PDB file of N, CA and C in Angstrom:
ATOM      1  N   UNK A   1      78.519  98.966  77.969  1.00  0.00           N
ATOM      2  CA  UNK A   1      79.959  99.022  78.138  1.00  0.00           C
ATOM      3  C   UNK A   1      80.563  97.796  77.457  1.00  0.00           C
ATOM      4  N   UNK A   2      81.572  98.020  76.692  1.00  0.00           N
ATOM      5  CA  UNK A   2      82.221  96.935  75.961  1.00  0.00           C
ATOM      6  C   UNK A   2      83.234  96.212  76.837  1.00  0.00           C
ATOM      7  N   UNK A   3      83.513  94.975  76.462  1.00  0.00           N
ATOM      8  CA  UNK A   3      84.436  94.150  77.241  1.00  0.00           C
ATOM      9  C   UNK A   3      85.835  94.751  77.267  1.00  0.00           C
ATOM     10  N   UNK A   4      86.280  95.365  76.159  1.00  0.00           N
ATOM     11  CA  UNK A   4      87.627  95.944  76.156  1.00  0.00           C
ATOM     12  C   UNK A   4      87.707  97.135  77.095  1.00  0.00           C
ATOM     13  N   UNK A   5      86.578  97.848  77.274  1.00  0.00           N
ATOM     14  CA  UNK A   5      86.567  98.970  78.216  1.00  0.00           C
ATOM     15  C   UNK A   5      86.708  98.446  79.648  1.00  0.00           C
ATOM     16  N   UNK A   6      85.999  97.371  79.965  1.00  0.00           N
ATOM     17  CA  UNK A   6      86.102  96.774  81.301  1.00  0.00           C
ATOM     18  C   UNK A   6      87.522  96.301  81.567  1.00  0.00           C
ATOM     19  N   UNK A   7      88.137  95.706  80.569  1.00  0.00           N
ATOM     20  CA  UNK A   7      89.505  95.216  80.731  1.00  0.00           C
ATOM     21  C   UNK A   7      90.462  96.381  80.989  1.00  0.00           C
ATOM     22  N   UNK A   8      90.256  97.511  80.286  1.00  0.00           N
ATOM     23  CA  UNK A   8      91.093  98.687  80.478  1.00  0.00           C
ATOM     24  C   UNK A   8      90.916  99.246  81.889  1.00  0.00           C
ATOM     25  N   UNK A   9      89.663  99.331  82.354  1.00  0.00           N
ATOM     26  CA  UNK A   9      89.397  99.841  83.702  1.00  0.00           C
ATOM     27  C   UNK A   9      90.067  98.949  84.733  1.00  0.00           C
ATOM     28  N   UNK A  10      89.931  97.628  84.583  1.00  0.00           N
ATOM     29  CA  UNK A  10      90.546  96.684  85.506  1.00  0.00           C
ATOM     30  C   UNK A  10      92.064  96.838  85.497  1.00  0.00           C
ATOM     31  N   UNK A  11      92.648  96.993  84.313  1.00  0.00           N
ATOM     32  CA  UNK A  11      94.099  97.156  84.191  1.00  0.00           C
ATOM     33  C   UNK A  11      94.542  98.448  84.876  1.00  0.00           C
ATOM     34  N   UNK A  12      93.752  99.492  84.726  1.00  0.00           N
ATOM     35  CA  UNK A  12      94.068 100.771  85.355  1.00  0.00           C
ATOM     36  C   UNK A  12      94.071 100.638  86.879  1.00  0.00           C
ATOM     37  N   UNK A  13      93.106  99.907  87.407  1.00  0.00           N
ATOM     38  CA  UNK A  13      93.039  99.674  88.855  1.00  0.00           C
ATOM     39  C   UNK A  13      94.251  98.865  89.306  1.00  0.00           C
ATOM     40  N   UNK A  14      94.604  97.826  88.538  1.00  0.00           N
ATOM     41  CA  UNK A  14      95.772  97.005  88.870  1.00  0.00           C
ATOM     42  C   UNK A  14      97.040  97.850  88.912  1.00  0.00           C
ATOM     43  N   UNK A  15      97.182  98.754  87.952  1.00  0.00           N
ATOM     44  CA  UNK A  15      98.366  99.617  87.908  1.00  0.00           C
ATOM     45  C   UNK A  15      98.415 100.507  89.142  1.00  0.00           C
ATOM     46  N   UNK A  16      97.266 101.086  89.508  1.00  0.00           N
ATOM     47  CA  UNK A  16      97.212 101.952  90.694  1.00  0.00           C
ATOM     48  C   UNK A  16      97.539 101.179  91.967  1.00  0.00           C
ATOM     49  N   UNK A  17      96.966  99.994  92.106  1.00  0.00           N
ATOM     50  CA  UNK A  17      97.238  99.168  93.287  1.00  0.00           C
ATOM     51  C   UNK A  17      98.717  98.795  93.327  1.00  0.00           C
ATOM     52  N   UNK A  18      99.266  98.392  92.195  1.00  0.00           N
ATOM     53  CA  UNK A  18     100.686  98.039  92.125  1.00  0.00           C
ATOM     54  C   UNK A  18     101.581  99.194  92.526  1.00  0.00           C
ATOM     55  N   UNK A  19     101.227 100.389  92.064  1.00  0.00           N
ATOM     56  CA  UNK A  19     102.013 101.581  92.401  1.00  0.00           C
ATOM     57  C   UNK A  19     101.960 101.840  93.908  1.00  0.00           C
ATOM     58  N   UNK A  20     100.792 101.669  94.501  1.00  0.00           N
ATOM     59  CA  UNK A  20     100.664 101.892  95.950  1.00  0.00           C
ATOM     60  C   UNK A  20     101.406 100.823  96.752  1.00  0.00           C
ATOM     61  N   UNK A  21     101.406  99.595  96.260  1.00  0.00           N
ATOM     62  CA  UNK A  21     102.174  98.531  96.920  1.00  0.00           C
ATOM     63  C   UNK A  21     103.659  98.884  96.879  1.00  0.00           C
ATOM     64  N   UNK A  22     104.137  99.318  95.719  1.00  0.00           N
ATOM     65  CA  UNK A  22     105.548  99.699  95.583  1.00  0.00           C
ATOM     66  C   UNK A  22     105.891 100.838  96.552  1.00  0.00           C
ATOM     67  N   UNK A  23     105.022 101.853  96.623  1.00  0.00           N
ATOM     68  CA  UNK A  23     105.254 102.978  97.539  1.00  0.00           C
ATOM     69  C   UNK A  23     105.342 102.501  98.982  1.00  0.00           C
ATOM     70  N   UNK A  24     104.387 101.668  99.379  1.00  0.00           N
ATOM     71  CA  UNK A  24     104.361 101.174 100.762  1.00  0.00           C
ATOM     72  C   UNK A  24     105.589 100.319 101.055  1.00  0.00           C
ATOM     73  N   UNK A  25     105.991  99.511 100.091  1.00  0.00           N
ATOM     74  CA  UNK A  25     107.183  98.662 100.266  1.00  0.00           C
ATOM     75  C   UNK A  25     108.419  99.525 100.462  1.00  0.00           C
ATOM     76  N   UNK A  26     108.566 100.540  99.628  1.00  0.00           N
ATOM     77  CA  UNK A  26     109.734 101.420  99.734  1.00  0.00           C
ATOM     78  C   UNK A  26     109.708 102.222 101.029  1.00  0.00           C
ATOM     79  N   UNK A  27     108.515 102.627 101.453  1.00  0.00           N
ATOM     80  CA  UNK A  27     108.387 103.352 102.722  1.00  0.00           C
ATOM     81  C   UNK A  27     108.870 102.492 103.880  1.00  0.00           C
ATOM     82  N   UNK A  28     108.606 101.185 103.800  1.00  0.00           N
ATOM     83  CA  UNK A  28     109.073 100.245 104.834  1.00  0.00           C
ATOM     84  C   UNK A  28     110.554  99.911 104.682  1.00  0.00           C
ATOM     85  N   UNK A  29     111.161 100.362 103.592  1.00  0.00           N
ATOM     86  CA  UNK A  29     112.581 100.097 103.367  1.00  0.00           C
ATOM     87  C   UNK A  29     112.863  98.680 102.919  1.00  0.00           C
ATOM     88  N   UNK A  30     111.901  98.067 102.244  1.00  0.00           N
ATOM     89  CA  UNK A  30     112.060  96.680 101.792  1.00  0.00           C
ATOM     90  C   UNK A  30     112.364  96.617 100.302  1.00  0.00           C
ATOM     91  N   UNK A  31     113.137  95.627  99.923  1.00  0.00           N
ATOM     92  CA  UNK A  31     113.356  95.353  98.502  1.00  0.00           C
ATOM     93  C   UNK A  31     112.221  94.447  98.032  1.00  0.00           C
ATOM     94  N   UNK A  32     112.083  94.324  96.717  1.00  0.00           N
ATOM     95  CA  UNK A  32     111.096  93.389  96.182  1.00  0.00           C
ATOM     96  C   UNK A  32     111.392  91.975  96.664  1.00  0.00           C
ATOM     97  N   UNK A  33     112.656  91.621  96.682  1.00  0.00           N
ATOM     98  CA  UNK A  33     113.055  90.280  97.104  1.00  0.00           C
ATOM     99  C   UNK A  33     112.630  90.013  98.545  1.00  0.00           C
ATOM    100  N   UNK A  34     112.878  90.980  99.426  1.00  0.00           N
ATOM    101  CA  UNK A  34     112.537  90.805 100.848  1.00  0.00           C
ATOM    102  C   UNK A  34     111.034  90.647 101.043  1.00  0.00           C
ATOM    103  N   UNK A  35     110.254  91.499 100.374  1.00  0.00           N
ATOM    104  CA  UNK A  35     108.800  91.407 100.520  1.00  0.00           C
ATOM    105  C   UNK A  35     108.282  90.111  99.914  1.00  0.00           C
ATOM    106  N   UNK A  36     108.780  89.771  98.748  1.00  0.00           N
ATOM    107  CA  UNK A  36     108.342  88.543  98.084  1.00  0.00           C
ATOM    108  C   UNK A  36     108.614  87.323  98.956  1.00  0.00           C
ATOM    109  N   UNK A  37     109.805  87.235  99.519  1.00  0.00           N
ATOM    110  CA  UNK A  37     110.146  86.102 100.383  1.00  0.00           C
ATOM    111  C   UNK A  37     109.255  86.058 101.617  1.00  0.00           C
ATOM    112  N   UNK A  38     108.995  87.214 102.212  1.00  0.00           N
ATOM    113  CA  UNK A  38     108.162  87.264 103.420  1.00  0.00           C
ATOM    114  C   UNK A  38     106.743  86.782 103.136  1.00  0.00           C
ATOM    115  N   UNK A  39     106.279  87.004 101.910  1.00  0.00           N
ATOM    116  CA  UNK A  39     104.910  86.633 101.552  1.00  0.00           C
ATOM    117  C   UNK A  39     104.823  85.294 100.828  1.00  0.00           C
ATOM    118  N   UNK A  40     105.991  84.689 100.550  1.00  0.00           N
ATOM    119  CA  UNK A  40     105.998  83.409  99.846  1.00  0.00           C
ATOM    120  C   UNK A  40     105.777  83.552  98.348  1.00  0.00           C
ATOM    121  N   UNK A  41     106.104  84.726  97.799  1.00  0.00           N
ATOM    122  CA  UNK A  41     105.989  84.969  96.364  1.00  0.00           C
ATOM    123  C   UNK A  41     107.364  84.877  95.727  1.00  0.00           C
ATOM    124  N   UNK A  42     107.348  84.714  94.423  1.00  0.00           N
ATOM    125  CA  UNK A  42     108.565  84.849  93.637  1.00  0.00           C
ATOM    126  C   UNK A  42     108.768  86.343  93.375  1.00  0.00           C
ATOM    127  N   UNK A  43     110.019  86.813  93.385  1.00  0.00           N
ATOM    128  CA  UNK A  43     110.277  88.238  93.183  1.00  0.00           C
ATOM    129  C   UNK A  43     109.712  88.731  91.855  1.00  0.00           C
ATOM    130  N   UNK A  44     109.810  87.925  90.818  1.00  0.00           N
ATOM    131  CA  UNK A  44     109.304  88.348  89.503  1.00  0.00           C
ATOM    132  C   UNK A  44     107.782  88.512  89.524  1.00  0.00           C
ATOM    133  N   UNK A  45     107.096  87.683  90.325  1.00  0.00           N
ATOM    134  CA  UNK A  45     105.643  87.815  90.457  1.00  0.00           C
ATOM    135  C   UNK A  45     105.304  89.126  91.152  1.00  0.00           C
ATOM    136  N   UNK A  46     106.029  89.461  92.223  1.00  0.00           N
ATOM    137  CA  UNK A  46     105.803  90.728  92.917  1.00  0.00           C
ATOM    138  C   UNK A  46     106.093  91.899  91.980  1.00  0.00           C
ATOM    139  N   UNK A  47     107.113  91.777  91.170  1.00  0.00           N
ATOM    140  CA  UNK A  47     107.441  92.819  90.199  1.00  0.00           C
ATOM    141  C   UNK A  47     106.276  93.046  89.237  1.00  0.00           C
ATOM    142  N   UNK A  48     105.652  91.963  88.786  1.00  0.00           N
ATOM    143  CA  UNK A  48     104.497  92.068  87.889  1.00  0.00           C
ATOM    144  C   UNK A  48     103.303  92.699  88.601  1.00  0.00           C
ATOM    145  N   UNK A  49     103.112  92.358  89.871  1.00  0.00           N
ATOM    146  CA  UNK A  49     102.024  92.973  90.644  1.00  0.00           C
ATOM    147  C   UNK A  49     102.248  94.479  90.731  1.00  0.00           C
ATOM    148  N   UNK A  50     103.465  94.876  91.083  1.00  0.00           N
ATOM    149  CA  UNK A  50     103.773  96.295  91.235  1.00  0.00           C
ATOM    150  C   UNK A  50     103.658  97.047  89.911  1.00  0.00           C
ATOM    151  N   UNK A  51     103.873  96.360  88.806  1.00  0.00           N
ATOM    152  CA  UNK A  51     103.756  96.988  87.483  1.00  0.00           C
ATOM    153  C   UNK A  51     102.318  96.963  86.965  1.00  0.00           C
ATOM    154  N   UNK A  52     101.422  96.307  87.716  1.00  0.00           N
ATOM    155  CA  UNK A  52     100.035  96.211  87.286  1.00  0.00           C
ATOM    156  C   UNK A  52      99.813  95.187  86.197  1.00  0.00           C
ATOM    157  N   UNK A  53     100.754  94.262  86.051  1.00  0.00           N
ATOM    158  CA  UNK A  53     100.684  93.261  84.990  1.00  0.00           C
ATOM    159  C   UNK A  53     100.145  91.921  85.459  1.00  0.00           C
ATOM    160  N   UNK A  54      99.859  91.814  86.746  1.00  0.00           N
ATOM    161  CA  UNK A  54      99.356  90.556  87.286  1.00  0.00           C
ATOM    162  C   UNK A  54      98.210  90.837  88.248  1.00  0.00           C
ATOM    163  N   UNK A  55      97.185  90.006  88.165  1.00  0.00           N
ATOM    164  CA  UNK A  55      96.054  90.138  89.086  1.00  0.00           C
ATOM    165  C   UNK A  55      96.481  89.790  90.502  1.00  0.00           C
ATOM    166  N   UNK A  56      95.831  90.423  91.458  1.00  0.00           N
ATOM    167  CA  UNK A  56      96.091  90.150  92.867  1.00  0.00           C
ATOM    168  C   UNK A  56      94.778  89.691  93.483  1.00  0.00           C
ATOM    169  N   UNK A  57      94.782  88.538  94.123  1.00  0.00           N
ATOM    170  CA  UNK A  57      93.567  88.084  94.791  1.00  0.00           C
ATOM    171  C   UNK A  57      93.356  88.905  96.056  1.00  0.00           C
ATOM    172  N   UNK A  58      92.140  88.869  96.566  1.00  0.00           N
ATOM    173  CA  UNK A  58      91.852  89.629  97.786  1.00  0.00           C
ATOM    174  C   UNK A  58      92.676  89.118  98.959  1.00  0.00           C
ATOM    175  N   UNK A  59      92.922  87.816  99.025  1.00  0.00           N
ATOM    176  CA  UNK A  59      93.721  87.297 100.140  1.00  0.00           C
ATOM    177  C   UNK A  59      95.185  87.724 100.013  1.00  0.00           C
ATOM    178  N   UNK A  60      95.708  87.765  98.784  1.00  0.00           N
ATOM    179  CA  UNK A  60      97.083  88.251  98.597  1.00  0.00           C
ATOM    180  C   UNK A  60      97.172  89.724  98.980  1.00  0.00           C
ATOM    181  N   UNK A  61      96.166  90.507  98.571  1.00  0.00           N
ATOM    182  CA  UNK A  61      96.163  91.933  98.882  1.00  0.00           C
ATOM    183  C   UNK A  61      96.111  92.152 100.389  1.00  0.00           C
ATOM    184  N   UNK A  62      95.318  91.332 101.069  1.00  0.00           N
ATOM    185  CA  UNK A  62      95.235  91.414 102.532  1.00  0.00           C
ATOM    186  C   UNK A  62      96.599  91.110 103.157  1.00  0.00           C
ATOM    187  N   UNK A  63      97.248  90.052 102.698  1.00  0.00           N
ATOM    188  CA  UNK A  63      98.565  89.680 103.239  1.00  0.00           C
ATOM    189  C   UNK A  63      99.609  90.770 102.990  1.00  0.00           C
ATOM    190  N   UNK A  64      99.577  91.334 101.787  1.00  0.00           N
ATOM    191  CA  UNK A  64     100.522  92.407 101.455  1.00  0.00           C
ATOM    192  C   UNK A  64     100.282  93.609 102.365  1.00  0.00           C
ATOM    193  N   UNK A  65      99.021  94.014 102.482  1.00  0.00           N
ATOM    194  CA  UNK A  65      98.682  95.177 103.311  1.00  0.00           C
ATOM    195  C   UNK A  65      99.089  94.946 104.760  1.00  0.00           C
ATOM    196  N   UNK A  66      98.804  93.753 105.269  1.00  0.00           N
ATOM    197  CA  UNK A  66      99.139  93.439 106.660  1.00  0.00           C
ATOM    198  C   UNK A  66     100.650  93.514 106.882  1.00  0.00           C
ATOM    199  N   UNK A  67     101.413  92.943 105.984  1.00  0.00           N
ATOM    200  CA  UNK A  67     102.868  92.936 106.142  1.00  0.00           C
ATOM    201  C   UNK A  67     103.451  94.347 106.044  1.00  0.00           C
ATOM    202  N   UNK A  68     102.849  95.175 105.188  1.00  0.00           N
ATOM    203  CA  UNK A  68     103.357  96.535 104.995  1.00  0.00           C
ATOM    204  C   UNK A  68     102.758  97.541 105.987  1.00  0.00           C
ATOM    205  N   UNK A  69     101.914  97.054 106.892  1.00  0.00           N
ATOM    206  CA  UNK A  69     101.268  97.917 107.894  1.00  0.00           C
ATOM    207  C   UNK A  69     100.440  99.033 107.265  1.00  0.00           C
ATOM    208  N   UNK A  70      99.698  98.696 106.228  1.00  0.00           N
ATOM    209  CA  UNK A  70      98.753  99.636 105.627  1.00  0.00           C
ATOM    210  C   UNK A  70      97.414  98.916 105.505  1.00  0.00           C
ATOM    211  N   UNK A  71      96.362  99.669 105.288  1.00  0.00           N
ATOM    212  CA  UNK A  71      95.059  99.033 105.109  1.00  0.00           C
ATOM    213  C   UNK A  71      94.878  98.640 103.645  1.00  0.00           C
ATOM    214  N   UNK A  72      93.995  97.684 103.424  1.00  0.00           N
ATOM    215  CA  UNK A  72      93.662  97.302 102.056  1.00  0.00           C
ATOM    216  C   UNK A  72      93.052  98.512 101.347  1.00  0.00           C
ATOM    217  N   UNK A  73      92.252  99.289 102.079  1.00  0.00           N
ATOM    218  CA  UNK A  73      91.654 100.499 101.498  1.00  0.00           C
ATOM    219  C   UNK A  73      92.729 101.452 100.989  1.00  0.00           C
ATOM    220  N   UNK A  74      93.837 101.549 101.718  1.00  0.00           N
ATOM    221  CA  UNK A  74      94.933 102.426 101.281  1.00  0.00           C
ATOM    222  C   UNK A  74      95.511 101.936  99.962  1.00  0.00           C
ATOM    223  N   UNK A  75      95.601 100.625  99.785  1.00  0.00           N
ATOM    224  CA  UNK A  75      96.127 100.086  98.532  1.00  0.00           C
ATOM    225  C   UNK A  75      95.168 100.340  97.373  1.00  0.00           C
ATOM    226  N   UNK A  76      93.881 100.437  97.684  1.00  0.00           N
ATOM    227  CA  UNK A  76      92.890 100.795  96.666  1.00  0.00           C
ATOM    228  C   UNK A  76      92.804 102.307  96.468  1.00  0.00           C
ATOM    229  N   UNK A  77      93.496 103.062  97.335  1.00  0.00           N
ATOM    230  CA  UNK A  77      93.459 104.515  97.221  1.00  0.00           C
ATOM    231  C   UNK A  77      92.226 105.128  97.836  1.00  0.00           C
ATOM    232  N   UNK A  78      91.641 104.443  98.802  1.00  0.00           N
ATOM    233  CA  UNK A  78      90.392 104.899  99.393  1.00  0.00           C
ATOM    234  C   UNK A  78      90.534 105.415 100.812  1.00  0.00           C
ATOM    235  N   UNK A  79      91.731 105.674 101.228  1.00  0.00           N
ATOM    236  CA  UNK A  79      91.942 106.222 102.569  1.00  0.00           C
ATOM    237  C   UNK A  79      91.567 107.698 102.571  1.00  0.00           C
ATOM    238  N   UNK A  80      90.920 108.153 103.634  1.00  0.00           N
ATOM    239  CA  UNK A  80      90.639 109.586 103.713  1.00  0.00           C
ATOM    240  C   UNK A  80      91.940 110.370 103.843  1.00  0.00           C
ATOM    241  N   UNK A  81      91.922 111.559 103.337  1.00  0.00           N
ATOM    242  CA  UNK A  81      93.125 112.382 103.402  1.00  0.00           C
ATOM    243  C   UNK A  81      93.350 112.863 104.828  1.00  0.00           C
ATOM    244  N   UNK A  82      94.592 113.157 105.202  1.00  0.00           N
ATOM    245  CA  UNK A  82      94.872 113.686 106.542  1.00  0.00           C
ATOM    246  C   UNK A  82      94.119 114.987 106.807  1.00  0.00           C
ATOM    247  N   UNK A  83      93.930 115.797 105.771  1.00  0.00           N
ATOM    248  CA  UNK A  83      93.190 117.057 105.934  1.00  0.00           C
ATOM    249  C   UNK A  83      91.748 116.757 106.310  1.00  0.00           C
ATOM    250  N   UNK A  84      91.135 115.795 105.631  1.00  0.00           N
ATOM    251  CA  UNK A  84      89.761 115.417 105.933  1.00  0.00           C
ATOM    252  C   UNK A  84      89.665 114.836 107.338  1.00  0.00           C
ATOM    253  N   UNK A  85      90.606 113.993 107.715  1.00  0.00           N
ATOM    254  CA  UNK A  85      90.599 113.417 109.058  1.00  0.00           C
ATOM    255  C   UNK A  85      90.693 114.498 110.128  1.00  0.00           C
ATOM    256  N   UNK A  86      91.538 115.505 109.911  1.00  0.00           N
ATOM    257  CA  UNK A  86      91.663 116.609 110.874  1.00  0.00           C
ATOM    258  C   UNK A  86      90.358 117.388 110.977  1.00  0.00           C
ATOM    259  N   UNK A  87      89.722 117.618 109.826  1.00  0.00           N
ATOM    260  CA  UNK A  87      88.466 118.379 109.820  1.00  0.00           C
ATOM    261  C   UNK A  87      87.362 117.606 110.533  1.00  0.00           C
ATOM    262  N   UNK A  88      87.287 116.305 110.306  1.00  0.00           N
ATOM    263  CA  UNK A  88      86.290 115.473 110.989  1.00  0.00           C
ATOM    264  C   UNK A  88      86.539 115.497 112.493  1.00  0.00           C
ATOM    265  N   UNK A  89      87.790 115.401 112.895  1.00  0.00           N
ATOM    266  CA  UNK A  89      88.130 115.454 114.322  1.00  0.00           C
ATOM    267  C   UNK A  89      87.718 116.798 114.915  1.00  0.00           C
ATOM    268  N   UNK A  90      87.992 117.873 114.180  1.00  0.00           N
ATOM    269  CA  UNK A  90      87.643 119.215 114.657  1.00  0.00           C
ATOM    270  C   UNK A  90      86.128 119.359 114.817  1.00  0.00           C
ATOM    271  N   UNK A  91      85.376 118.874 113.836  1.00  0.00           N
ATOM    272  CA  UNK A  91      83.916 118.933 113.923  1.00  0.00           C
ATOM    273  C   UNK A  91      83.403 118.091 115.080  1.00  0.00           C
ATOM    274  N   UNK A  92      84.008 116.938 115.292  1.00  0.00           N
ATOM    275  CA  UNK A  92      83.624 116.077 116.408  1.00  0.00           C
ATOM    276  C   UNK A  92      83.851 116.783 117.740  1.00  0.00           C
ATOM    277  N   UNK A  93      84.987 117.456 117.851  1.00  0.00           N
ATOM    278  CA  UNK A  93      85.281 118.200 119.084  1.00  0.00           C
ATOM    279  C   UNK A  93      84.274 119.330 119.295  1.00  0.00           C
ATOM    280  N   UNK A  94      83.881 119.983 118.210  1.00  0.00           N
ATOM    281  CA  UNK A  94      82.873 121.042 118.317  1.00  0.00           C
ATOM    282  C   UNK A  94      81.531 120.480 118.775  1.00  0.00           C
ATOM    283  N   UNK A  95      81.154 119.330 118.228  1.00  0.00           N
ATOM    284  CA  UNK A  95      79.886 118.707 118.621  1.00  0.00           C
ATOM    285  C   UNK A  95      79.864 118.355 120.101  1.00  0.00           C
ATOM    286  N   UNK A  96      81.018 117.986 120.640  1.00  0.00           N
ATOM    287  CA  UNK A  96      81.095 117.629 122.060  1.00  0.00           C
ATOM    288  C   UNK A  96      80.826 118.816 122.976  1.00  0.00           C
ATOM    289  N   UNK A  97      80.958 120.029 122.457  1.00  0.00           N
ATOM    290  CA  UNK A  97      80.707 121.222 123.277  1.00  0.00           C
ATOM    291  C   UNK A  97      79.232 121.601 123.290  1.00  0.00           C
ATOM    292  N   UNK A  98      78.419 120.952 122.454  1.00  0.00           N
ATOM    293  CA  UNK A  98      77.003 121.293 122.352  1.00  0.00           C
ATOM    294  C   UNK A  98      76.149 120.453 123.289  1.00  0.00           C
ATOM    295  N   UNK A  99      74.972 120.970 123.571  1.00  0.00           N
ATOM    296  CA  UNK A  99      74.009 120.210 124.382  1.00  0.00           C
ATOM    297  C   UNK A  99      73.407 119.110 123.507  1.00  0.00           C
ATOM    298  N   UNK A 100      72.801 118.096 124.131  1.00  0.00           N
ATOM    299  CA  UNK A 100      72.164 117.029 123.342  1.00  0.00           C
ATOM    300  C   UNK A 100      71.102 117.569 122.376  1.00  0.00           C
ATOM    301  N   UNK A 101      70.332 118.559 122.802  1.00  0.00           N
ATOM    302  CA  UNK A 101      69.310 119.141 121.919  1.00  0.00           C
ATOM    303  C   UNK A 101      69.947 119.834 120.714  1.00  0.00           C
ATOM    304  N   UNK A 102      71.057 120.517 120.945  1.00  0.00           N
ATOM    305  CA  UNK A 102      71.753 121.193 119.847  1.00  0.00           C
ATOM    306  C   UNK A 102      72.342 120.179 118.862  1.00  0.00           C
ATOM    307  N   UNK A 103      72.823 119.065 119.382  1.00  0.00           N
ATOM    308  CA  UNK A 103      73.361 118.012 118.514  1.00  0.00           C
ATOM    309  C   UNK A 103      72.259 117.457 117.615  1.00  0.00           C
ATOM    310  N   UNK A 104      71.064 117.263 118.173  1.00  0.00           N
ATOM    311  CA  UNK A 104      69.929 116.768 117.387  1.00  0.00           C
ATOM    312  C   UNK A 104      69.618 117.741 116.246  1.00  0.00           C
ATOM    313  N   UNK A 105      69.627 119.028 116.542  1.00  0.00           N
ATOM    314  CA  UNK A 105      69.349 120.043 115.517  1.00  0.00           C
ATOM    315  C   UNK A 105      70.415 119.998 114.422  1.00  0.00           C
ATOM    316  N   UNK A 106      71.676 119.922 114.825  1.00  0.00           N
ATOM    317  CA  UNK A 106      72.777 119.864 113.849  1.00  0.00           C
ATOM    318  C   UNK A 106      72.637 118.631 112.959  1.00  0.00           C
ATOM    319  N   UNK A 107      72.306 117.483 113.557  1.00  0.00           N
ATOM    320  CA  UNK A 107      72.136 116.257 112.771  1.00  0.00           C
ATOM    321  C   UNK A 107      71.018 116.419 111.748  1.00  0.00           C
ATOM    322  N   UNK A 108      69.898 117.026 112.166  1.00  0.00           N
ATOM    323  CA  UNK A 108      68.774 117.227 111.242  1.00  0.00           C
ATOM    324  C   UNK A 108      69.185 118.126 110.080  1.00  0.00           C
ATOM    325  N   UNK A 109      69.929 119.181 110.381  1.00  0.00           N
ATOM    326  CA  UNK A 109      70.398 120.093 109.331  1.00  0.00           C
ATOM    327  C   UNK A 109      71.331 119.351 108.374  1.00  0.00           C
ATOM    328  N   UNK A 110      72.234 118.549 108.915  1.00  0.00           N
ATOM    329  CA  UNK A 110      73.172 117.798 108.071  1.00  0.00           C
ATOM    330  C   UNK A 110      72.434 116.830 107.154  1.00  0.00           C
ATOM    331  N   UNK A 111      71.487 116.066 107.727  1.00  0.00           N
ATOM    332  CA  UNK A 111      70.739 115.108 106.913  1.00  0.00           C
ATOM    333  C   UNK A 111      69.945 115.824 105.825  1.00  0.00           C
ATOM    334  N   UNK A 112      69.319 116.955 106.174  1.00  0.00           N
ATOM    335  CA  UNK A 112      68.554 117.721 105.187  1.00  0.00           C
ATOM    336  C   UNK A 112      69.472 118.230 104.076  1.00  0.00           C
ATOM    337  N   UNK A 113      70.651 118.681 104.451  1.00  0.00           N
ATOM    338  CA  UNK A 113      71.616 119.175 103.468  1.00  0.00           C
ATOM    339  C   UNK A 113      72.035 118.060 102.512  1.00  0.00           C
ATOM    340  N   UNK A 114      72.346 116.896 103.057  1.00  0.00           N
ATOM    341  CA  UNK A 114      72.766 115.760 102.224  1.00  0.00           C
ATOM    342  C   UNK A 114      71.644 115.354 101.273  1.00  0.00           C
ATOM    343  N   UNK A 115      70.416 115.262 101.774  1.00  0.00           N
ATOM    344  CA  UNK A 115      69.279 114.893 100.925  1.00  0.00           C
ATOM    345  C   UNK A 115      69.059 115.936  99.836  1.00  0.00           C
ATOM    346  N   UNK A 116      69.174 117.193 100.188  1.00  0.00           N
ATOM    347  CA  UNK A 116      69.010 118.285  99.224  1.00  0.00           C
ATOM    348  C   UNK A 116      70.040 118.170  98.106  1.00  0.00           C
ATOM    349  N   UNK A 117      71.269 117.858  98.462  1.00  0.00           N
ATOM    350  CA  UNK A 117      72.327 117.713  97.455  1.00  0.00           C
ATOM    351  C   UNK A 117      72.100 116.507  96.562  1.00  0.00           C
ATOM    352  N   UNK A 118      71.543 115.425  97.115  1.00  0.00           N
ATOM    353  CA  UNK A 118      71.253 114.240  96.297  1.00  0.00           C
ATOM    354  C   UNK A 118      70.289 114.604  95.178  1.00  0.00           C
ATOM    355  N   UNK A 119      69.231 115.339  95.530  1.00  0.00           N
ATOM    356  CA  UNK A 119      68.239 115.707  94.527  1.00  0.00           C
ATOM    357  C   UNK A 119      68.810 116.699  93.520  1.00  0.00           C
ATOM    358  N   UNK A 120      69.642 117.612  93.983  1.00  0.00           N
ATOM    359  CA  UNK A 120      70.245 118.598  93.092  1.00  0.00           C
ATOM    360  C   UNK A 120      71.149 117.901  92.080  1.00  0.00           C
ATOM    361  N   UNK A 121      71.943 116.914  92.538  1.00  0.00           N
ATOM    362  CA  UNK A 121      72.842 116.199  91.630  1.00  0.00           C
ATOM    363  C   UNK A 121      72.061 115.356  90.627  1.00  0.00           C
ATOM    364  N   UNK A 122      70.936 114.780  91.052  1.00  0.00           N
ATOM    365  CA  UNK A 122      70.116 113.992  90.128  1.00  0.00           C
ATOM    366  C   UNK A 122      69.516 114.889  89.053  1.00  0.00           C
ATOM    367  N   UNK A 123      69.109 116.103  89.443  1.00  0.00           N
ATOM    368  CA  UNK A 123      68.505 117.027  88.485  1.00  0.00           C
ATOM    369  C   UNK A 123      69.523 117.490  87.450  1.00  0.00           C
ATOM    370  N   UNK A 124      70.771 117.639  87.853  1.00  0.00           N
ATOM    371  CA  UNK A 124      71.830 118.094  86.952  1.00  0.00           C
ATOM    372  C   UNK A 124      72.250 116.983  86.003  1.00  0.00           C
ATOM    373  N   UNK A 125      72.251 115.740  86.477  1.00  0.00           N
ATOM    374  CA  UNK A 125      72.726 114.600  85.675  1.00  0.00           C
ATOM    375  C   UNK A 125      71.899 114.355  84.446  1.00  0.00           C
TER     376      UNK A 125
END
């Protein structure tokens, strides 16, 4: 992988994070000025972050996420979807209706399925 490719990937991530910060800020009803002041940033610096033109340290990202009441994972775009969360909850509720022996069987089937898919994906790659 070439250095310019790495720089492009990093820039793409910065742009995505900046876009999510802007979305979260607007959802909270804050202006750039208000958020910047609350975090001790200059408004122009926050503008560059939101545009993906400035690097954000992990501590800055943590502070931004905390102030906006979102997780750092959400700013990275790694939050599970609401549909997935509902499905996981539904499956969890179903598991609670089973006996301990049935849960053990289900777990074994799930693990076997996951392992089977790992090998299938390796064979295709």
